[in-house]
């Protein structure tokens, strides 16, 4: 059985930002980065929900998205 891929937070952010740009479709991005389109939607949603945390004081760390 194959093991699931573990993507770094930097990779997830890069893919999610590309999805937010809207220059390519999610299907095109999935093919380009070798991930499932559902993961791109999940990472994009997590980025949008956690974006306000970047500007909060106190240095709280946002929870990571589970890849399941």
PDB file of N, CA and C in Angstrom:
ATOM      1  N   UNK A   1       0.833  -1.178   0.000  1.00  0.00           N
ATOM      2  CA  UNK A   1       0.000   0.000   0.000  1.00  0.00           C
ATOM      3  C   UNK A   1       0.882   1.248   0.000  1.00  0.00           C
ATOM      4  N   UNK A   2       0.462   2.273  -0.715  1.00  0.00           N
ATOM      5  CA  UNK A   2       1.261   3.496  -0.764  1.00  0.00           C
ATOM      6  C   UNK A   2       0.922   4.416   0.405  1.00  0.00           C
ATOM      7  N   UNK A   3       1.893   5.189   0.790  1.00  0.00           N
ATOM      8  CA  UNK A   3       1.716   6.128   1.891  1.00  0.00           C
ATOM      9  C   UNK A   3       1.203   7.463   1.332  1.00  0.00           C
ATOM     10  N   UNK A   4       0.400   8.153   2.109  1.00  0.00           N
ATOM     11  CA  UNK A   4      -0.119   9.452   1.675  1.00  0.00           C
ATOM     12  C   UNK A   4       1.002  10.475   1.604  1.00  0.00           C
ATOM     13  N   UNK A   5       0.870  11.377   0.663  1.00  0.00           N
ATOM     14  CA  UNK A   5       1.855  12.443   0.537  1.00  0.00           C
ATOM     15  C   UNK A   5       1.683  13.447   1.664  1.00  0.00           C
ATOM     16  N   UNK A   6       2.782  13.925   2.171  1.00  0.00           N
ATOM     17  CA  UNK A   6       2.770  14.977   3.182  1.00  0.00           C
ATOM     18  C   UNK A   6       3.306  16.245   2.526  1.00  0.00           C
ATOM     19  N   UNK A   7       2.469  17.250   2.417  1.00  0.00           N
ATOM     20  CA  UNK A   7       2.867  18.506   1.786  1.00  0.00           C
ATOM     21  C   UNK A   7       3.216  19.526   2.855  1.00  0.00           C
ATOM     22  N   UNK A   8       4.238  20.304   2.580  1.00  0.00           N
ATOM     23  CA  UNK A   8       4.674  21.320   3.530  1.00  0.00           C
ATOM     24  C   UNK A   8       3.682  22.483   3.543  1.00  0.00           C
ATOM     25  N   UNK A   9       3.639  23.210   4.653  1.00  0.00           N
ATOM     26  CA  UNK A   9       2.760  24.392   4.708  1.00  0.00           C
ATOM     27  C   UNK A   9       3.098  25.417   3.620  1.00  0.00           C
ATOM     28  N   UNK A  10       4.376  25.532   3.268  1.00  0.00           N
ATOM     29  CA  UNK A  10       4.766  26.460   2.208  1.00  0.00           C
ATOM     30  C   UNK A  10       4.162  26.060   0.863  1.00  0.00           C
ATOM     31  N   UNK A  11       4.189  24.757   0.589  1.00  0.00           N
ATOM     32  CA  UNK A  11       3.622  24.253  -0.664  1.00  0.00           C
ATOM     33  C   UNK A  11       2.112  24.502  -0.707  1.00  0.00           C
ATOM     34  N   UNK A  12       1.441  24.219   0.407  1.00  0.00           N
ATOM     35  CA  UNK A  12      -0.008  24.418   0.480  1.00  0.00           C
ATOM     36  C   UNK A  12      -0.365  25.885   0.257  1.00  0.00           C
ATOM     37  N   UNK A  13       0.404  26.778   0.883  1.00  0.00           N
ATOM     38  CA  UNK A  13       0.148  28.210   0.737  1.00  0.00           C
ATOM     39  C   UNK A  13       0.368  28.648  -0.710  1.00  0.00           C
ATOM     40  N   UNK A  14       1.403  28.124  -1.326  1.00  0.00           N
ATOM     41  CA  UNK A  14       1.705  28.481  -2.718  1.00  0.00           C
ATOM     42  C   UNK A  14       0.558  28.067  -3.637  1.00  0.00           C
ATOM     43  N   UNK A  15       0.082  26.843  -3.470  1.00  0.00           N
ATOM     44  CA  UNK A  15      -1.010  26.338  -4.303  1.00  0.00           C
ATOM     45  C   UNK A  15      -2.299  27.123  -4.035  1.00  0.00           C
ATOM     46  N   UNK A  16      -2.593  27.390  -2.762  1.00  0.00           N
ATOM     47  CA  UNK A  16      -3.806  28.133  -2.415  1.00  0.00           C
ATOM     48  C   UNK A  16      -3.767  29.554  -2.973  1.00  0.00           C
ATOM     49  N   UNK A  17      -2.612  30.190  -2.919  1.00  0.00           N
ATOM     50  CA  UNK A  17      -2.489  31.539  -3.477  1.00  0.00           C
ATOM     51  C   UNK A  17      -2.681  31.536  -4.991  1.00  0.00           C
ATOM     52  N   UNK A  18      -2.161  30.519  -5.643  1.00  0.00           N
ATOM     53  CA  UNK A  18      -2.364  30.399  -7.093  1.00  0.00           C
ATOM     54  C   UNK A  18      -3.853  30.237  -7.404  1.00  0.00           C
ATOM     55  N   UNK A  19      -4.551  29.472  -6.562  1.00  0.00           N
ATOM     56  CA  UNK A  19      -5.991  29.284  -6.760  1.00  0.00           C
ATOM     57  C   UNK A  19      -6.740  30.594  -6.554  1.00  0.00           C
ATOM     58  N   UNK A  20      -6.304  31.384  -5.576  1.00  0.00           N
ATOM     59  CA  UNK A  20      -6.959  32.666  -5.312  1.00  0.00           C
ATOM     60  C   UNK A  20      -6.752  33.668  -6.453  1.00  0.00           C
ATOM     61  N   UNK A  21      -5.619  33.583  -7.115  1.00  0.00           N
ATOM     62  CA  UNK A  21      -5.353  34.488  -8.238  1.00  0.00           C
ATOM     63  C   UNK A  21      -6.390  34.321  -9.338  1.00  0.00           C
ATOM     64  N   UNK A  22      -6.825  33.089  -9.556  1.00  0.00           N
ATOM     65  CA  UNK A  22      -7.847  32.831 -10.566  1.00  0.00           C
ATOM     66  C   UNK A  22      -7.350  32.845 -11.989  1.00  0.00           C
ATOM     67  N   UNK A  23      -6.042  32.790 -12.177  1.00  0.00           N
ATOM     68  CA  UNK A  23      -5.479  32.802 -13.530  1.00  0.00           C
ATOM     69  C   UNK A  23      -5.598  31.444 -14.210  1.00  0.00           C
ATOM     70  N   UNK A  24      -5.703  30.381 -13.395  1.00  0.00           N
ATOM     71  CA  UNK A  24      -5.872  29.032 -13.917  1.00  0.00           C
ATOM     72  C   UNK A  24      -7.022  28.370 -13.165  1.00  0.00           C
ATOM     73  N   UNK A  25      -7.629  27.390 -13.801  1.00  0.00           N
ATOM     74  CA  UNK A  25      -8.706  26.671 -13.133  1.00  0.00           C
ATOM     75  C   UNK A  25      -8.104  25.742 -12.080  1.00  0.00           C
ATOM     76  N   UNK A  26      -8.946  25.277 -11.178  1.00  0.00           N
ATOM     77  CA  UNK A  26      -8.495  24.352 -10.144  1.00  0.00           C
ATOM     78  C   UNK A  26      -7.988  23.064 -10.792  1.00  0.00           C
ATOM     79  N   UNK A  27      -8.649  22.635 -11.851  1.00  0.00           N
ATOM     80  CA  UNK A  27      -8.215  21.423 -12.552  1.00  0.00           C
ATOM     81  C   UNK A  27      -6.810  21.610 -13.143  1.00  0.00           C
ATOM     82  N   UNK A  28      -6.557  22.767 -13.713  1.00  0.00           N
ATOM     83  CA  UNK A  28      -5.229  23.050 -14.265  1.00  0.00           C
ATOM     84  C   UNK A  28      -4.175  23.083 -13.164  1.00  0.00           C
ATOM     85  N   UNK A  29      -4.514  23.706 -12.039  1.00  0.00           N
ATOM     86  CA  UNK A  29      -3.578  23.761 -10.914  1.00  0.00           C
ATOM     87  C   UNK A  29      -3.318  22.367 -10.351  1.00  0.00           C
ATOM     88  N   UNK A  30      -4.358  21.548 -10.271  1.00  0.00           N
ATOM     89  CA  UNK A  30      -4.211  20.187  -9.753  1.00  0.00           C
ATOM     90  C   UNK A  30      -3.252  19.393 -10.634  1.00  0.00           C
ATOM     91  N   UNK A  31      -3.383  19.548 -11.912  1.00  0.00           N
ATOM     92  CA  UNK A  31      -2.491  18.862 -12.838  1.00  0.00           C
ATOM     93  C   UNK A  31      -1.068  19.397 -12.724  1.00  0.00           C
ATOM     94  N   UNK A  32      -0.948  20.693 -12.627  1.00  0.00           N
ATOM     95  CA  UNK A  32       0.371  21.339 -12.548  1.00  0.00           C
ATOM     96  C   UNK A  32       1.133  20.951 -11.277  1.00  0.00           C
ATOM     97  N   UNK A  33       0.436  20.908 -10.132  1.00  0.00           N
ATOM     98  CA  UNK A  33       1.090  20.634  -8.857  1.00  0.00           C
ATOM     99  C   UNK A  33       0.986  19.174  -8.420  1.00  0.00           C
ATOM    100  N   UNK A  34       0.224  18.365  -9.136  1.00  0.00           N
ATOM    101  CA  UNK A  34       0.119  16.953  -8.815  1.00  0.00           C
ATOM    102  C   UNK A  34      -0.662  16.647  -7.554  1.00  0.00           C
ATOM    103  N   UNK A  35      -1.723  17.409  -7.317  1.00  0.00           N
ATOM    104  CA  UNK A  35      -2.588  17.176  -6.160  1.00  0.00           C
ATOM    105  C   UNK A  35      -4.038  17.089  -6.636  1.00  0.00           C
ATOM    106  N   UNK A  36      -4.893  16.565  -5.783  1.00  0.00           N
ATOM    107  CA  UNK A  36      -6.306  16.430  -6.126  1.00  0.00           C
ATOM    108  C   UNK A  36      -6.994  17.793  -6.007  1.00  0.00           C
ATOM    109  N   UNK A  37      -7.927  18.100  -6.916  1.00  0.00           N
ATOM    110  CA  UNK A  37      -8.632  19.387  -6.855  1.00  0.00           C
ATOM    111  C   UNK A  37      -9.313  19.648  -5.508  1.00  0.00           C
ATOM    112  N   UNK A  38      -9.809  18.615  -4.855  1.00  0.00           N
ATOM    113  CA  UNK A  38     -10.447  18.784  -3.552  1.00  0.00           C
ATOM    114  C   UNK A  38      -9.475  19.367  -2.535  1.00  0.00           C
ATOM    115  N   UNK A  39      -8.213  18.940  -2.596  1.00  0.00           N
ATOM    116  CA  UNK A  39      -7.205  19.461  -1.675  1.00  0.00           C
ATOM    117  C   UNK A  39      -6.980  20.950  -1.920  1.00  0.00           C
ATOM    118  N   UNK A  40      -6.983  21.346  -3.164  1.00  0.00           N
ATOM    119  CA  UNK A  40      -6.797  22.765  -3.487  1.00  0.00           C
ATOM    120  C   UNK A  40      -7.941  23.588  -2.906  1.00  0.00           C
ATOM    121  N   UNK A  41      -9.159  23.098  -3.043  1.00  0.00           N
ATOM    122  CA  UNK A  41     -10.307  23.815  -2.465  1.00  0.00           C
ATOM    123  C   UNK A  41     -10.175  23.900  -0.947  1.00  0.00           C
ATOM    124  N   UNK A  42      -9.733  22.820  -0.315  1.00  0.00           N
ATOM    125  CA  UNK A  42      -9.574  22.787   1.141  1.00  0.00           C
ATOM    126  C   UNK A  42      -8.504  23.781   1.590  1.00  0.00           C
ATOM    127  N   UNK A  43      -7.381  23.786   0.893  1.00  0.00           N
ATOM    128  CA  UNK A  43      -6.283  24.692   1.257  1.00  0.00           C
ATOM    129  C   UNK A  43      -6.667  26.142   1.018  1.00  0.00           C
ATOM    130  N   UNK A  44      -7.404  26.402  -0.059  1.00  0.00           N
ATOM    131  CA  UNK A  44      -7.862  27.759  -0.362  1.00  0.00           C
ATOM    132  C   UNK A  44      -8.808  28.255   0.729  1.00  0.00           C
ATOM    133  N   UNK A  45      -9.733  27.383   1.152  1.00  0.00           N
ATOM    134  CA  UNK A  45     -10.678  27.736   2.213  1.00  0.00           C
ATOM    135  C   UNK A  45      -9.938  28.017   3.520  1.00  0.00           C
ATOM    136  N   UNK A  46      -8.956  27.175   3.848  1.00  0.00           N
ATOM    137  CA  UNK A  46      -8.181  27.352   5.077  1.00  0.00           C
ATOM    138  C   UNK A  46      -7.390  28.660   5.037  1.00  0.00           C
ATOM    139  N   UNK A  47      -6.863  28.987   3.870  1.00  0.00           N
ATOM    140  CA  UNK A  47      -6.115  30.239   3.721  1.00  0.00           C
ATOM    141  C   UNK A  47      -7.025  31.439   3.940  1.00  0.00           C
ATOM    142  N   UNK A  48      -8.197  31.411   3.355  1.00  0.00           N
ATOM    143  CA  UNK A  48      -9.132  32.526   3.512  1.00  0.00           C
ATOM    144  C   UNK A  48      -9.606  32.663   4.954  1.00  0.00           C
ATOM    145  N   UNK A  49      -9.866  31.530   5.615  1.00  0.00           N
ATOM    146  CA  UNK A  49     -10.342  31.572   6.998  1.00  0.00           C
ATOM    147  C   UNK A  49      -9.242  32.018   7.965  1.00  0.00           C
ATOM    148  N   UNK A  50      -7.998  31.683   7.660  1.00  0.00           N
ATOM    149  CA  UNK A  50      -6.900  32.001   8.571  1.00  0.00           C
ATOM    150  C   UNK A  50      -6.158  33.277   8.235  1.00  0.00           C
ATOM    151  N   UNK A  51      -6.554  33.946   7.166  1.00  0.00           N
ATOM    152  CA  UNK A  51      -5.827  35.139   6.725  1.00  0.00           C
ATOM    153  C   UNK A  51      -5.870  36.258   7.763  1.00  0.00           C
ATOM    154  N   UNK A  52      -6.971  36.415   8.458  1.00  0.00           N
ATOM    155  CA  UNK A  52      -7.066  37.487   9.440  1.00  0.00           C
ATOM    156  C   UNK A  52      -6.113  37.249  10.604  1.00  0.00           C
ATOM    157  N   UNK A  53      -5.762  36.010  10.862  1.00  0.00           N
ATOM    158  CA  UNK A  53      -4.835  35.675  11.939  1.00  0.00           C
ATOM    159  C   UNK A  53      -3.439  36.218  11.720  1.00  0.00           C
ATOM    160  N   UNK A  54      -3.098  36.499  10.487  1.00  0.00           N
ATOM    161  CA  UNK A  54      -1.787  37.055  10.173  1.00  0.00           C
ATOM    162  C   UNK A  54      -1.621  38.434  10.816  1.00  0.00           C
ATOM    163  N   UNK A  55      -2.716  39.150  10.942  1.00  0.00           N
ATOM    164  CA  UNK A  55      -2.661  40.515  11.449  1.00  0.00           C
ATOM    165  C   UNK A  55      -3.009  40.634  12.932  1.00  0.00           C
ATOM    166  N   UNK A  56      -3.257  39.504  13.596  1.00  0.00           N
ATOM    167  CA  UNK A  56      -3.566  39.538  15.019  1.00  0.00           C
ATOM    168  C   UNK A  56      -2.288  39.690  15.837  1.00  0.00           C
ATOM    169  N   UNK A  57      -2.434  40.266  16.998  1.00  0.00           N
ATOM    170  CA  UNK A  57      -1.309  40.380  17.919  1.00  0.00           C
ATOM    171  C   UNK A  57      -1.218  39.124  18.763  1.00  0.00           C
ATOM    172  N   UNK A  58      -0.050  38.873  19.303  1.00  0.00           N
ATOM    173  CA  UNK A  58       0.109  37.746  20.212  1.00  0.00           C
ATOM    174  C   UNK A  58       0.751  36.538  19.572  1.00  0.00           C
ATOM    175  N   UNK A  59       0.919  36.528  18.283  1.00  0.00           N
ATOM    176  CA  UNK A  59       1.609  35.435  17.618  1.00  0.00           C
ATOM    177  C   UNK A  59       0.923  34.088  17.725  1.00  0.00           C
ATOM    178  N   UNK A  60      -0.392  34.060  17.669  1.00  0.00           N
ATOM    179  CA  UNK A  60      -1.105  32.790  17.704  1.00  0.00           C
ATOM    180  C   UNK A  60      -0.822  32.021  16.432  1.00  0.00           C
ATOM    181  N   UNK A  61      -0.632  30.716  16.572  1.00  0.00           N
ATOM    182  CA  UNK A  61      -0.404  29.886  15.405  1.00  0.00           C
ATOM    183  C   UNK A  61      -1.730  29.277  14.960  1.00  0.00           C
ATOM    184  N   UNK A  62      -2.023  29.402  13.662  1.00  0.00           N
ATOM    185  CA  UNK A  62      -3.269  28.845  13.136  1.00  0.00           C
ATOM    186  C   UNK A  62      -3.157  27.328  13.050  1.00  0.00           C
ATOM    187  N   UNK A  63      -4.249  26.611  13.277  1.00  0.00           N
ATOM    188  CA  UNK A  63      -4.207  25.151  13.163  1.00  0.00           C
ATOM    189  C   UNK A  63      -3.980  24.726  11.713  1.00  0.00           C
ATOM    190  N   UNK A  64      -3.260  23.626  11.561  1.00  0.00           N
ATOM    191  CA  UNK A  64      -2.975  23.133  10.219  1.00  0.00           C
ATOM    192  C   UNK A  64      -4.160  22.332   9.685  1.00  0.00           C
ATOM    193  N   UNK A  65      -4.279  22.279   8.370  1.00  0.00           N
ATOM    194  CA  UNK A  65      -5.354  21.558   7.730  1.00  0.00           C
ATOM    195  C   UNK A  65      -4.964  20.087   7.647  1.00  0.00           C
ATOM    196  N   UNK A  66      -5.881  19.218   8.030  1.00  0.00           N
ATOM    197  CA  UNK A  66      -5.643  17.783   7.923  1.00  0.00           C
ATOM    198  C   UNK A  66      -5.847  17.358   6.479  1.00  0.00           C
ATOM    199  N   UNK A  67      -4.974  16.522   5.946  1.00  0.00           N
ATOM    200  CA  UNK A  67      -5.034  16.143   4.544  1.00  0.00           C
ATOM    201  C   UNK A  67      -5.987  14.986   4.250  1.00  0.00           C
ATOM    202  N   UNK A  68      -6.796  14.598   5.214  1.00  0.00           N
ATOM    203  CA  UNK A  68      -7.702  13.468   4.984  1.00  0.00           C
ATOM    204  C   UNK A  68      -8.923  13.848   4.227  1.00  0.00           C
TER     205      UNK A  68
END
